[in-house]
Amino acid sequence: MPHLTKDSRHTLGRKIDASLIETLEATLTARFLAKDRKFLFVEKAAAKLDLAKFFLRIAWEVKALDTKKYALISEQLNEIGK
């Protein structure tokens, strides 16, 4: 695996943060919509959560995140996805 610079790690962290914020935004939006309009936002939330998981895995693979933290965060994200 290539070594990440400090800036690259921060960029990866920002991508994870942004994906999680977008997940939350879509979830909260869906919460207040009529049933017939919720699906689009629930689908968007699921896609953003998957993107956050993807970036998290990259962070772990390039050793920007240790295994213990990766496992803890991944477990929590999987629970959120349910």
C-alpha atoms as a PDB file:
ATOM      1  CA  MET A   1       0.000   0.000   0.000  1.00  0.00           C
ATOM      2  CA  PRO A   2       1.250   3.502  -0.753  1.00  0.00           C
ATOM      3  CA  HIS A   3       2.110   5.820   2.085  1.00  0.00           C
ATOM      4  CA  LEU A   4      -0.289   8.708   2.595  1.00  0.00           C
ATOM      5  CA  THR A   5       0.917  12.174   3.370  1.00  0.00           C
ATOM      6  CA  LYS A   6      -0.569  14.098   6.264  1.00  0.00           C
ATOM      7  CA  ASP A   7      -2.626  16.137   3.778  1.00  0.00           C
ATOM      8  CA  SER A   8      -3.913  12.965   2.108  1.00  0.00           C
ATOM      9  CA  ARG A   9      -5.010  11.539   5.462  1.00  0.00           C
ATOM     10  CA  HIS A  10      -6.835  14.781   6.264  1.00  0.00           C
ATOM     11  CA  THR A  11      -8.503  14.736   2.849  1.00  0.00           C
ATOM     12  CA  LEU A  12      -9.619  11.154   3.440  1.00  0.00           C
ATOM     13  CA  GLY A  13     -10.937  12.117   6.875  1.00  0.00           C
ATOM     14  CA  ARG A  14     -12.880  15.015   5.366  1.00  0.00           C
ATOM     15  CA  LYS A  15     -14.430  12.671   2.797  1.00  0.00           C
ATOM     16  CA  ILE A  16     -15.532  10.309   5.582  1.00  0.00           C
ATOM     17  CA  ASP A  17     -16.950  13.225   7.585  1.00  0.00           C
ATOM     18  CA  ALA A  18     -18.764  14.649   4.561  1.00  0.00           C
ATOM     19  CA  SER A  19     -20.289  11.268   3.687  1.00  0.00           C
ATOM     20  CA  LEU A  20     -21.529  10.795   7.242  1.00  0.00           C
ATOM     21  CA  ILE A  21     -22.990  14.312   7.361  1.00  0.00           C
ATOM     22  CA  GLU A  22     -24.801  13.690   4.061  1.00  0.00           C
ATOM     23  CA  THR A  23     -26.094  10.394   5.483  1.00  0.00           C
ATOM     24  CA  LEU A  24     -27.497  12.248   8.460  1.00  0.00           C
ATOM     25  CA  GLU A  25     -29.024  14.991   6.294  1.00  0.00           C
ATOM     26  CA  ALA A  26     -30.791  12.481   4.052  1.00  0.00           C
ATOM     27  CA  THR A  27     -32.010  10.498   7.069  1.00  0.00           C
ATOM     28  CA  LEU A  28     -33.407  13.563   8.794  1.00  0.00           C
ATOM     29  CA  THR A  29     -35.049  14.752   5.605  1.00  0.00           C
ATOM     30  CA  ALA A  30     -36.695  11.355   5.107  1.00  0.00           C
ATOM     31  CA  ARG A  31     -37.955  11.401   8.660  1.00  0.00           C
ATOM     32  CA  PHE A  32     -40.170  14.400   8.001  1.00  0.00           C
ATOM     33  CA  LEU A  33     -41.506  13.413   4.588  1.00  0.00           C
ATOM     34  CA  ALA A  34     -44.685  11.608   3.700  1.00  0.00           C
ATOM     35  CA  LYS A  35     -44.273   7.853   3.194  1.00  0.00           C
ATOM     36  CA  ASP A  36     -44.504   8.099  -0.567  1.00  0.00           C
ATOM     37  CA  ARG A  37     -41.531  10.526  -0.681  1.00  0.00           C
ATOM     38  CA  LYS A  38     -39.208   8.866   1.863  1.00  0.00           C
ATOM     39  CA  PHE A  39     -37.678   6.158  -0.323  1.00  0.00           C
ATOM     40  CA  LEU A  40     -35.460   8.483  -2.379  1.00  0.00           C
ATOM     41  CA  PHE A  41     -33.881   9.959   0.746  1.00  0.00           C
ATOM     42  CA  VAL A  42     -33.494   6.611   2.495  1.00  0.00           C
ATOM     43  CA  GLU A  43     -31.788   5.307  -0.638  1.00  0.00           C
ATOM     44  CA  LYS A  44     -29.503   8.369  -0.698  1.00  0.00           C
ATOM     45  CA  ALA A  45     -28.653   7.882   2.991  1.00  0.00           C
ATOM     46  CA  ALA A  46     -27.746   4.242   2.363  1.00  0.00           C
ATOM     47  CA  ALA A  47     -25.506   5.194  -0.562  1.00  0.00           C
ATOM     48  CA  LYS A  48     -23.704   7.881   1.462  1.00  0.00           C
ATOM     49  CA  LEU A  49     -23.227   5.483   4.362  1.00  0.00           C
ATOM     50  CA  ASP A  50     -21.713   2.920   1.979  1.00  0.00           C
ATOM     51  CA  LEU A  51     -19.386   5.624   0.672  1.00  0.00           C
ATOM     52  CA  ALA A  52     -18.273   6.470   4.217  1.00  0.00           C
ATOM     53  CA  LYS A  53     -17.589   2.758   4.846  1.00  0.00           C
ATOM     54  CA  PHE A  54     -15.557   2.617   1.627  1.00  0.00           C
ATOM     55  CA  PHE A  55     -13.394   5.591   2.603  1.00  0.00           C
ATOM     56  CA  LEU A  56     -13.012   4.181   6.107  1.00  0.00           C
ATOM     57  CA  ARG A  57     -11.723   0.913   4.669  1.00  0.00           C
ATOM     58  CA  ILE A  58      -9.228   2.804   2.524  1.00  0.00           C
ATOM     59  CA  ALA A  59      -8.041   4.670   5.629  1.00  0.00           C
ATOM     60  CA  TRP A  60      -7.511   1.340   7.373  1.00  0.00           C
ATOM     61  CA  GLU A  61      -5.782  -0.266   4.381  1.00  0.00           C
ATOM     62  CA  VAL A  62      -3.255   2.562   4.096  1.00  0.00           C
ATOM     63  CA  LYS A  63      -2.728   2.430   7.854  1.00  0.00           C
ATOM     64  CA  ALA A  64      -4.144   5.886   8.490  1.00  0.00           C
ATOM     65  CA  LEU A  65      -6.463   4.141  10.983  1.00  0.00           C
ATOM     66  CA  ASP A  66      -5.463   1.299  13.304  1.00  0.00           C
ATOM     67  CA  THR A  67      -7.337  -1.987  13.299  1.00  0.00           C
ATOM     68  CA  LYS A  68      -8.983  -1.495  16.689  1.00  0.00           C
ATOM     69  CA  LYS A  69     -10.479   1.883  15.721  1.00  0.00           C
ATOM     70  CA  TYR A  70     -11.471   0.573  12.304  1.00  0.00           C
ATOM     71  CA  ALA A  71     -13.306  -2.379  13.852  1.00  0.00           C
ATOM     72  CA  LEU A  72     -15.126  -0.184  16.366  1.00  0.00           C
ATOM     73  CA  ILE A  73     -16.221   2.395  13.805  1.00  0.00           C
ATOM     74  CA  SER A  74     -17.168  -0.258  11.239  1.00  0.00           C
ATOM     75  CA  GLU A  75     -19.334  -2.044  13.794  1.00  0.00           C
ATOM     76  CA  GLN A  76     -21.124   1.191  14.620  1.00  0.00           C
ATOM     77  CA  LEU A  77     -21.661   2.055  10.951  1.00  0.00           C
ATOM     78  CA  ASN A  78     -23.071  -1.419  10.308  1.00  0.00           C
ATOM     79  CA  GLU A  79     -25.562  -0.911  13.145  1.00  0.00           C
ATOM     80  CA  ILE A  80     -26.562   2.456  11.703  1.00  0.00           C
ATOM     81  CA  GLY A  81     -27.119   0.800   8.330  1.00  0.00           C
ATOM     82  CA  LYS A  82     -29.630  -1.612   9.805  1.00  0.00           C
END
